[in-house]
PDB file of N, CA and C in Angstrom:
ATOM      1  N   MET A   1     -29.084  34.375  -5.317  1.00  0.00           N
ATOM      2  CA  MET A   1     -28.575  33.836  -6.576  1.00  0.00           C
ATOM      3  C   MET A   1     -27.072  33.550  -6.490  1.00  0.00           C
ATOM      4  N   THR A   2     -26.345  34.433  -5.839  1.00  0.00           N
ATOM      5  CA  THR A   2     -24.916  34.262  -5.704  1.00  0.00           C
ATOM      6  C   THR A   2     -24.587  33.023  -4.878  1.00  0.00           C
ATOM      7  N   MET A   3     -25.391  32.788  -3.856  1.00  0.00           N
ATOM      8  CA  MET A   3     -25.163  31.626  -2.986  1.00  0.00           C
ATOM      9  C   MET A   3     -25.311  30.333  -3.776  1.00  0.00           C
ATOM     10  N   ALA A   4     -26.298  30.247  -4.628  1.00  0.00           N
ATOM     11  CA  ALA A   4     -26.518  29.049  -5.436  1.00  0.00           C
ATOM     12  C   ALA A   4     -25.373  28.859  -6.426  1.00  0.00           C
ATOM     13  N   LYS A   5     -24.893  29.952  -6.993  1.00  0.00           N
ATOM     14  CA  LYS A   5     -23.786  29.876  -7.947  1.00  0.00           C
ATOM     15  C   LYS A   5     -22.512  29.401  -7.237  1.00  0.00           C
ATOM     16  N   ASP A   6     -22.256  29.941  -6.045  1.00  0.00           N
ATOM     17  CA  ASP A   6     -21.099  29.521  -5.264  1.00  0.00           C
ATOM     18  C   ASP A   6     -21.187  28.044  -4.901  1.00  0.00           C
ATOM     19  N   ASP A   7     -22.375  27.590  -4.496  1.00  0.00           N
ATOM     20  CA  ASP A   7     -22.577  26.180  -4.164  1.00  0.00           C
ATOM     21  C   ASP A   7     -22.320  25.291  -5.377  1.00  0.00           C
ATOM     22  N   HIS A   8     -22.784  25.740  -6.533  1.00  0.00           N
ATOM     23  CA  HIS A   8     -22.594  24.977  -7.765  1.00  0.00           C
ATOM     24  C   HIS A   8     -21.106  24.908  -8.120  1.00  0.00           C
ATOM     25  N   GLN A   9     -20.388  26.028  -7.981  1.00  0.00           N
ATOM     26  CA  GLN A   9     -18.963  26.048  -8.284  1.00  0.00           C
ATOM     27  C   GLN A   9     -18.191  25.139  -7.314  1.00  0.00           C
ATOM     28  N   GLN A  10     -18.570  25.191  -6.037  1.00  0.00           N
ATOM     29  CA  GLN A  10     -17.903  24.350  -5.051  1.00  0.00           C
ATOM     30  C   GLN A  10     -18.174  22.873  -5.332  1.00  0.00           C
ATOM     31  N   ALA A  11     -19.414  22.553  -5.689  1.00  0.00           N
ATOM     32  CA  ALA A  11     -19.761  21.174  -6.023  1.00  0.00           C
ATOM     33  C   ALA A  11     -18.974  20.699  -7.241  1.00  0.00           C
ATOM     34  N   SER A  12     -18.796  21.590  -8.206  1.00  0.00           N
ATOM     35  CA  SER A  12     -18.045  21.259  -9.411  1.00  0.00           C
ATOM     36  C   SER A  12     -16.570  21.019  -9.057  1.00  0.00           C
ATOM     37  N   LYS A  13     -16.004  21.868  -8.210  1.00  0.00           N
ATOM     38  CA  LYS A  13     -14.617  21.693  -7.776  1.00  0.00           C
ATOM     39  C   LYS A  13     -14.461  20.387  -6.995  1.00  0.00           C
ATOM     40  N   ASP A  14     -15.429  20.094  -6.124  1.00  0.00           N
ATOM     41  CA  ASP A  14     -15.384  18.855  -5.349  1.00  0.00           C
ATOM     42  C   ASP A  14     -15.444  17.633  -6.260  1.00  0.00           C
ATOM     43  N   ARG A  15     -16.303  17.693  -7.286  1.00  0.00           N
ATOM     44  CA  ARG A  15     -16.427  16.581  -8.226  1.00  0.00           C
ATOM     45  C   ARG A  15     -15.126  16.366  -8.991  1.00  0.00           C
ATOM     46  N   ILE A  16     -14.516  17.460  -9.443  1.00  0.00           N
ATOM     47  CA  ILE A  16     -13.247  17.362 -10.176  1.00  0.00           C
ATOM     48  C   ILE A  16     -12.159  16.784  -9.276  1.00  0.00           C
ATOM     49  N   LEU A  17     -12.108  17.246  -8.031  1.00  0.00           N
ATOM     50  CA  LEU A  17     -11.125  16.739  -7.081  1.00  0.00           C
ATOM     51  C   LEU A  17     -11.322  15.244  -6.836  1.00  0.00           C
ATOM     52  N   MET A  18     -12.561  14.819  -6.656  1.00  0.00           N
ATOM     53  CA  MET A  18     -12.832  13.393  -6.432  1.00  0.00           C
ATOM     54  C   MET A  18     -12.454  12.563  -7.654  1.00  0.00           C
ATOM     55  N   GLU A  19     -12.682  13.096  -8.847  1.00  0.00           N
ATOM     56  CA  GLU A  19     -12.289  12.392 -10.067  1.00  0.00           C
ATOM     57  C   GLU A  19     -10.768  12.227 -10.116  1.00  0.00           C
ATOM     58  N   GLN A  20     -10.038  13.273  -9.732  1.00  0.00           N
ATOM     59  CA  GLN A  20      -8.576  13.204  -9.724  1.00  0.00           C
ATOM     60  C   GLN A  20      -8.089  12.195  -8.682  1.00  0.00           C
ATOM     61  N   ILE A  21      -8.695  12.204  -7.506  1.00  0.00           N
ATOM     62  CA  ILE A  21      -8.316  11.248  -6.462  1.00  0.00           C
ATOM     63  C   ILE A  21      -8.577   9.820  -6.929  1.00  0.00           C
ATOM     64  N   ASN A  22      -9.743   9.587  -7.521  1.00  0.00           N
ATOM     65  CA  ASN A  22     -10.077   8.246  -8.015  1.00  0.00           C
ATOM     66  C   ASN A  22      -9.130   7.809  -9.124  1.00  0.00           C
ATOM     67  N   SER A  23      -8.737   8.754  -9.978  1.00  0.00           N
ATOM     68  CA  SER A  23      -7.783   8.439 -11.038  1.00  0.00           C
ATOM     69  C   SER A  23      -6.440   8.038 -10.448  1.00  0.00           C
ATOM     70  N   LEU A  24      -5.988   8.763  -9.435  1.00  0.00           N
ATOM     71  CA  LEU A  24      -4.722   8.419  -8.775  1.00  0.00           C
ATOM     72  C   LEU A  24      -4.805   7.058  -8.099  1.00  0.00           C
ATOM     73  N   LYS A  25      -5.945   6.751  -7.490  1.00  0.00           N
ATOM     74  CA  LYS A  25      -6.121   5.437  -6.860  1.00  0.00           C
ATOM     75  C   LYS A  25      -6.033   4.325  -7.894  1.00  0.00           C
ATOM     76  N   ARG A  26      -6.675   4.529  -9.049  1.00  0.00           N
ATOM     77  CA  ARG A  26      -6.621   3.510 -10.108  1.00  0.00           C
ATOM     78  C   ARG A  26      -5.195   3.340 -10.628  1.00  0.00           C
ATOM     79  N   GLU A  27      -4.492   4.453 -10.828  1.00  0.00           N
ATOM     80  CA  GLU A  27      -3.116   4.381 -11.306  1.00  0.00           C
ATOM     81  C   GLU A  27      -2.219   3.675 -10.285  1.00  0.00           C
ATOM     82  N   ASP A  28      -2.413   3.974  -9.007  1.00  0.00           N
ATOM     83  CA  ASP A  28      -1.632   3.332  -7.955  1.00  0.00           C
ATOM     84  C   ASP A  28      -1.879   1.829  -7.947  1.00  0.00           C
ATOM     85  N   GLU A  29      -3.138   1.435  -8.053  1.00  0.00           N
ATOM     86  CA  GLU A  29      -3.476   0.008  -8.073  1.00  0.00           C
ATOM     87  C   GLU A  29      -2.846  -0.674  -9.282  1.00  0.00           C
ATOM     88  N   MET A  30      -2.870   0.000 -10.434  1.00  0.00           N
ATOM     89  CA  MET A  30      -2.288  -0.577 -11.638  1.00  0.00           C
ATOM     90  C   MET A  30      -0.774  -0.748 -11.465  1.00  0.00           C
ATOM     91  N   LEU A  31      -0.104   0.248 -10.883  1.00  0.00           N
ATOM     92  CA  LEU A  31       1.335   0.132 -10.657  1.00  0.00           C
ATOM     93  C   LEU A  31       1.660  -0.991  -9.679  1.00  0.00           C
ATOM     94  N   GLN A  32       0.844  -1.139  -8.639  1.00  0.00           N
ATOM     95  CA  GLN A  32       1.049  -2.231  -7.683  1.00  0.00           C
ATOM     96  C   GLN A  32       0.902  -3.583  -8.368  1.00  0.00           C
ATOM     97  N   ASN A  33      -0.072  -3.702  -9.252  1.00  0.00           N
ATOM     98  CA  ASN A  33      -0.265  -4.955  -9.989  1.00  0.00           C
ATOM     99  C   ASN A  33       0.911  -5.242 -10.916  1.00  0.00           C
ATOM    100  N   ILE A  34       1.420  -4.197 -11.566  1.00  0.00           N
ATOM    101  CA  ILE A  34       2.575  -4.374 -12.453  1.00  0.00           C
ATOM    102  C   ILE A  34       3.783  -4.832 -11.653  1.00  0.00           C
ATOM    103  N   LEU A  35       4.007  -4.207 -10.496  1.00  0.00           N
ATOM    104  CA  LEU A  35       5.131  -4.612  -9.646  1.00  0.00           C
ATOM    105  C   LEU A  35       4.980  -6.049  -9.177  1.00  0.00           C
ATOM    106  N   ALA A  36       3.774  -6.442  -8.818  1.00  0.00           N
ATOM    107  CA  ALA A  36       3.545  -7.814  -8.363  1.00  0.00           C
ATOM    108  C   ALA A  36       3.858  -8.803  -9.475  1.00  0.00           C
ATOM    109  N   VAL A  37       3.453  -8.501 -10.688  1.00  0.00           N
ATOM    110  CA  VAL A  37       3.740  -9.387 -11.826  1.00  0.00           C
ATOM    111  C   VAL A  37       5.239  -9.434 -12.087  1.00  0.00           C
ATOM    112  N   ASP A  38       5.911  -8.279 -12.006  1.00  0.00           N
ATOM    113  CA  ASP A  38       7.360  -8.246 -12.206  1.00  0.00           C
ATOM    114  C   ASP A  38       8.090  -9.100 -11.179  1.00  0.00           C
ATOM    115  N   VAL A  39       7.723  -8.967  -9.922  1.00  0.00           N
ATOM    116  CA  VAL A  39       8.370  -9.760  -8.869  1.00  0.00           C
ATOM    117  C   VAL A  39       8.121 -11.240  -9.110  1.00  0.00           C
ATOM    118  N   TRP A  40       6.874 -11.587  -9.444  1.00  0.00           N
ATOM    119  CA  TRP A  40       6.563 -12.994  -9.706  1.00  0.00           C
ATOM    120  C   TRP A  40       7.380 -13.515 -10.889  1.00  0.00           C
ATOM    121  N   ALA A  41       7.481 -12.726 -11.959  1.00  0.00           N
ATOM    122  CA  ALA A  41       8.210 -13.170 -13.145  1.00  0.00           C
ATOM    123  C   ALA A  41       9.692 -13.376 -12.835  1.00  0.00           C
ATOM    124  N   ILE A  42      10.274 -12.466 -12.070  1.00  0.00           N
ATOM    125  CA  ILE A  42      11.689 -12.613 -11.703  1.00  0.00           C
ATOM    126  C   ILE A  42      11.892 -13.857 -10.844  1.00  0.00           C
ATOM    127  N   ALA A  43      11.023 -14.022  -9.839  1.00  0.00           N
ATOM    128  CA  ALA A  43      11.156 -15.188  -8.955  1.00  0.00           C
ATOM    129  C   ALA A  43      10.932 -16.488  -9.720  1.00  0.00           C
ATOM    130  N   LYS A  44       9.967 -16.495 -10.613  1.00  0.00           N
ATOM    131  CA  LYS A  44       9.686 -17.702 -11.412  1.00  0.00           C
ATOM    132  C   LYS A  44      10.885 -18.034 -12.295  1.00  0.00           C
ATOM    133  N   THR A  45      11.453 -17.031 -12.928  1.00  0.00           N
ATOM    134  CA  THR A  45      12.616 -17.246 -13.783  1.00  0.00           C
ATOM    135  C   THR A  45      13.805 -17.743 -12.960  1.00  0.00           C
ATOM    136  N   MET A  46      14.032 -17.108 -11.811  1.00  0.00           N
ATOM    137  CA  MET A  46      15.141 -17.519 -10.955  1.00  0.00           C
ATOM    138  C   MET A  46      14.941 -18.951 -10.454  1.00  0.00           C
ATOM    139  N   ASP A  47      13.703 -19.320 -10.175  1.00  0.00           N
ATOM    140  CA  ASP A  47      13.418 -20.671  -9.695  1.00  0.00           C
ATOM    141  C   ASP A  47      13.722 -21.704 -10.778  1.00  0.00           C
ATOM    142  N   GLU A  48      13.563 -21.319 -12.043  1.00  0.00           N
ATOM    143  CA  GLU A  48      13.892 -22.231 -13.132  1.00  0.00           C
ATOM    144  C   GLU A  48      15.403 -22.446 -13.234  1.00  0.00           C
ATOM    145  N   PHE A  49      16.172 -21.367 -13.001  1.00  0.00           N
ATOM    146  CA  PHE A  49      17.634 -21.472 -13.076  1.00  0.00           C
ATOM    147  C   PHE A  49      18.246 -22.031 -11.798  1.00  0.00           C
ATOM    148  N   HIS A  50      17.656 -21.708 -10.668  1.00  0.00           N
ATOM    149  CA  HIS A  50      18.141 -22.165  -9.365  1.00  0.00           C
ATOM    150  C   HIS A  50      16.966 -22.766  -8.601  1.00  0.00           C
ATOM    151  N   PRO A  51      16.723 -24.070  -8.765  1.00  0.00           N
ATOM    152  CA  PRO A  51      15.598 -24.698  -8.061  1.00  0.00           C
ATOM    153  C   PRO A  51      15.675 -24.421  -6.557  1.00  0.00           C
ATOM    154  N   GLY A  52      14.527 -24.092  -5.984  1.00  0.00           N
ATOM    155  CA  GLY A  52      14.461 -23.767  -4.563  1.00  0.00           C
ATOM    156  C   GLY A  52      14.546 -22.277  -4.281  1.00  0.00           C
ATOM    157  N   PHE A  53      14.785 -21.494  -5.335  1.00  0.00           N
ATOM    158  CA  PHE A  53      14.909 -20.045  -5.152  1.00  0.00           C
ATOM    159  C   PHE A  53      13.642 -19.447  -4.550  1.00  0.00           C
ATOM    160  N   TRP A  54      12.487 -19.869  -5.078  1.00  0.00           N
ATOM    161  CA  TRP A  54      11.214 -19.309  -4.614  1.00  0.00           C
ATOM    162  C   TRP A  54      10.996 -19.580  -3.127  1.00  0.00           C
ATOM    163  N   ALA A  55      11.265 -20.803  -2.706  1.00  0.00           N
ATOM    164  CA  ALA A  55      11.092 -21.146  -1.292  1.00  0.00           C
ATOM    165  C   ALA A  55      12.028 -20.314  -0.423  1.00  0.00           C
ATOM    166  N   ALA A  56      13.275 -20.153  -0.856  1.00  0.00           N
ATOM    167  CA  ALA A  56      14.230 -19.338  -0.094  1.00  0.00           C
ATOM    168  C   ALA A  56      13.807 -17.873  -0.088  1.00  0.00           C
ATOM    169  N   PHE A  57      13.316 -17.399  -1.218  1.00  0.00           N
ATOM    170  CA  PHE A  57      12.843 -16.016  -1.319  1.00  0.00           C
ATOM    171  C   PHE A  57      11.709 -15.774  -0.327  1.00  0.00           C
ATOM    172  N   MET A  58      10.746 -16.687  -0.296  1.00  0.00           N
ATOM    173  CA  MET A  58       9.606 -16.519   0.601  1.00  0.00           C
ATOM    174  C   MET A  58      10.031 -16.613   2.068  1.00  0.00           C
ATOM    175  N   LYS A  59      10.977 -17.485   2.375  1.00  0.00           N
ATOM    176  CA  LYS A  59      11.472 -17.610   3.744  1.00  0.00           C
ATOM    177  C   LYS A  59      12.170 -16.317   4.169  1.00  0.00           C
ATOM    178  N   ASN A  60      13.014 -15.781   3.293  1.00  0.00           N
ATOM    179  CA  ASN A  60      13.694 -14.512   3.585  1.00  0.00           C
ATOM    180  C   ASN A  60      12.697 -13.374   3.729  1.00  0.00           C
ATOM    181  N   ARG A  61      11.680 -13.385   2.898  1.00  0.00           N
ATOM    182  CA  ARG A  61      10.652 -12.344   2.960  1.00  0.00           C
ATOM    183  C   ARG A  61       9.919 -12.401   4.301  1.00  0.00           C
ATOM    184  N   GLU A  62       9.610 -13.606   4.748  1.00  0.00           N
ATOM    185  CA  GLU A  62       8.931 -13.780   6.033  1.00  0.00           C
ATOM    186  C   GLU A  62       9.805 -13.280   7.180  1.00  0.00           C
ATOM    187  N   GLN A  63      11.081 -13.610   7.143  1.00  0.00           N
ATOM    188  CA  GLN A  63      12.002 -13.160   8.191  1.00  0.00           C
ATOM    189  C   GLN A  63      12.147 -11.642   8.178  1.00  0.00           C
ATOM    190  N   ALA A  64      12.235 -11.060   6.984  1.00  0.00           N
ATOM    191  CA  ALA A  64      12.358  -9.605   6.879  1.00  0.00           C
ATOM    192  C   ALA A  64      11.097  -8.919   7.414  1.00  0.00           C
ATOM    193  N   LEU A  65       9.937  -9.490   7.123  1.00  0.00           N
ATOM    194  CA  LEU A  65       8.681  -8.925   7.620  1.00  0.00           C
ATOM    195  C   LEU A  65       8.626  -8.990   9.141  1.00  0.00           C
ATOM    196  N   LYS A  66       9.062 -10.109   9.709  1.00  0.00           N
ATOM    197  CA  LYS A  66       9.095 -10.237  11.174  1.00  0.00           C
ATOM    198  C   LYS A  66      10.021  -9.196  11.797  1.00  0.00           C
ATOM    199  N   ARG A  67      11.213  -9.032  11.200  1.00  0.00           N
ATOM    200  CA  ARG A  67      12.153  -8.026  11.724  1.00  0.00           C
ATOM    201  C   ARG A  67      11.556  -6.625  11.625  1.00  0.00           C
ATOM    202  N   PHE A  68      10.915  -6.337  10.515  1.00  0.00           N
ATOM    203  CA  PHE A  68      10.293  -5.034  10.326  1.00  0.00           C
ATOM    204  C   PHE A  68       9.204  -4.795  11.361  1.00  0.00           C
ATOM    205  N   MET A  69       8.342  -5.783  11.568  1.00  0.00           N
ATOM    206  CA  MET A  69       7.252  -5.642  12.543  1.00  0.00           C
ATOM    207  C   MET A  69       7.796  -5.493  13.961  1.00  0.00           C
ATOM    208  N   ASP A  70       8.840  -6.250  14.301  1.00  0.00           N
ATOM    209  CA  ASP A  70       9.466  -6.110  15.617  1.00  0.00           C
ATOM    210  C   ASP A  70      10.002  -4.697  15.814  1.00  0.00           C
ATOM    211  N   GLU A  71      10.634  -4.157  14.778  1.00  0.00           N
ATOM    212  CA  GLU A  71      11.187  -2.803  14.861  1.00  0.00           C
ATOM    213  C   GLU A  71      10.075  -1.764  15.004  1.00  0.00           C
ATOM    214  N   VAL A  72       8.994  -1.939  14.260  1.00  0.00           N
ATOM    215  CA  VAL A  72       7.870  -1.011  14.350  1.00  0.00           C
ATOM    216  C   VAL A  72       7.271  -1.043  15.752  1.00  0.00           C
ATOM    217  N   ILE A  73       7.098  -2.230  16.291  1.00  0.00           N
ATOM    218  CA  ILE A  73       6.520  -2.377  17.636  1.00  0.00           C
ATOM    219  C   ILE A  73       7.464  -1.790  18.680  1.00  0.00           C
ATOM    220  N   LYS A  74       8.754  -2.018  18.509  1.00  0.00           N
ATOM    221  CA  LYS A  74       9.731  -1.537  19.481  1.00  0.00           C
ATOM    222  C   LYS A  74       9.790  -0.010  19.507  1.00  0.00           C
ATOM    223  N   THR A  75       9.659   0.635  18.347  1.00  0.00           N
ATOM    224  CA  THR A  75       9.789   2.089  18.273  1.00  0.00           C
ATOM    225  C   THR A  75       8.462   2.819  18.381  1.00  0.00           C
ATOM    226  N   LYS A  76       7.365   2.074  18.459  1.00  0.00           N
ATOM    227  CA  LYS A  76       6.046   2.696  18.539  1.00  0.00           C
ATOM    228  C   LYS A  76       5.844   3.311  19.927  1.00  0.00           C
ATOM    229  N   PRO A  77       5.462   4.597  19.971  1.00  0.00           N
ATOM    230  CA  PRO A  77       5.232   5.217  21.282  1.00  0.00           C
ATOM    231  C   PRO A  77       4.020   4.592  21.975  1.00  0.00           C
ATOM    232  N   VAL A  78       4.123   4.443  23.282  1.00  0.00           N
ATOM    233  CA  VAL A  78       3.042   3.835  24.056  1.00  0.00           C
ATOM    234  C   VAL A  78       2.070   4.932  24.478  1.00  0.00           C
ATOM    235  N   ASP A  79       0.806   4.712  24.176  1.00  0.00           N
ATOM    236  CA  ASP A  79      -0.247   5.649  24.564  1.00  0.00           C
ATOM    237  C   ASP A  79      -1.076   4.986  25.652  1.00  0.00           C
ATOM    238  N   PRO A  80      -0.931   5.440  26.904  1.00  0.00           N
ATOM    239  CA  PRO A  80      -1.647   4.783  28.013  1.00  0.00           C
ATOM    240  C   PRO A  80      -3.169   4.905  27.911  1.00  0.00           C
ATOM    241  N   LYS A  81      -3.661   5.784  27.069  1.00  0.00           N
ATOM    242  CA  LYS A  81      -5.110   5.947  26.914  1.00  0.00           C
ATOM    243  C   LYS A  81      -5.716   4.842  26.053  1.00  0.00           C
ATOM    244  N   ARG A  82      -4.878   4.178  25.255  1.00  0.00           N
ATOM    245  CA  ARG A  82      -5.389   3.116  24.389  1.00  0.00           C
ATOM    246  C   ARG A  82      -5.522   1.828  25.180  1.00  0.00           C
ATOM    247  N   PRO A  83      -6.454   0.973  24.782  1.00  0.00           N
ATOM    248  CA  PRO A  83      -6.582  -0.333  25.453  1.00  0.00           C
ATOM    249  C   PRO A  83      -5.293  -1.135  25.291  1.00  0.00           C
ATOM    250  N   PRO A  84      -4.984  -2.008  26.241  1.00  0.00           N
ATOM    251  CA  PRO A  84      -3.715  -2.762  26.201  1.00  0.00           C
ATOM    252  C   PRO A  84      -3.511  -3.556  24.909  1.00  0.00           C
ATOM    253  N   PHE A  85      -4.580  -4.098  24.337  1.00  0.00           N
ATOM    254  CA  PHE A  85      -4.417  -4.916  23.117  1.00  0.00           C
ATOM    255  C   PHE A  85      -4.146  -4.062  21.888  1.00  0.00           C
ATOM    256  N   LEU A  86      -4.270  -2.734  21.991  1.00  0.00           N
ATOM    257  CA  LEU A  86      -3.989  -1.851  20.867  1.00  0.00           C
ATOM    258  C   LEU A  86      -2.696  -1.049  21.062  1.00  0.00           C
ATOM    259  N   ARG A  87      -2.004  -1.276  22.141  1.00  0.00           N
ATOM    260  CA  ARG A  87      -0.759  -0.521  22.396  1.00  0.00           C
ATOM    261  C   ARG A  87       0.376  -1.085  21.631  1.00  0.00           C
TER     262      ARG A  87
END
């Protein structure tokens, strides 16, 4: 009887934990969406005041992403056990 009660309590704790994790995932997604709308609104407004702003913003973003990826690749430790295309 004790074993069944313990299993039930553990299942209940697991369910509560999964509910909390799912809630955090939903909140994170909502915050990401809000940030995306904010960035779009700022860029759209700036493009109205300074035509070409959006194109320059996207070009700078692309360059920054390339620099970031180059830095990540440069500092990534090499694992000889991994296949060459994954190093």
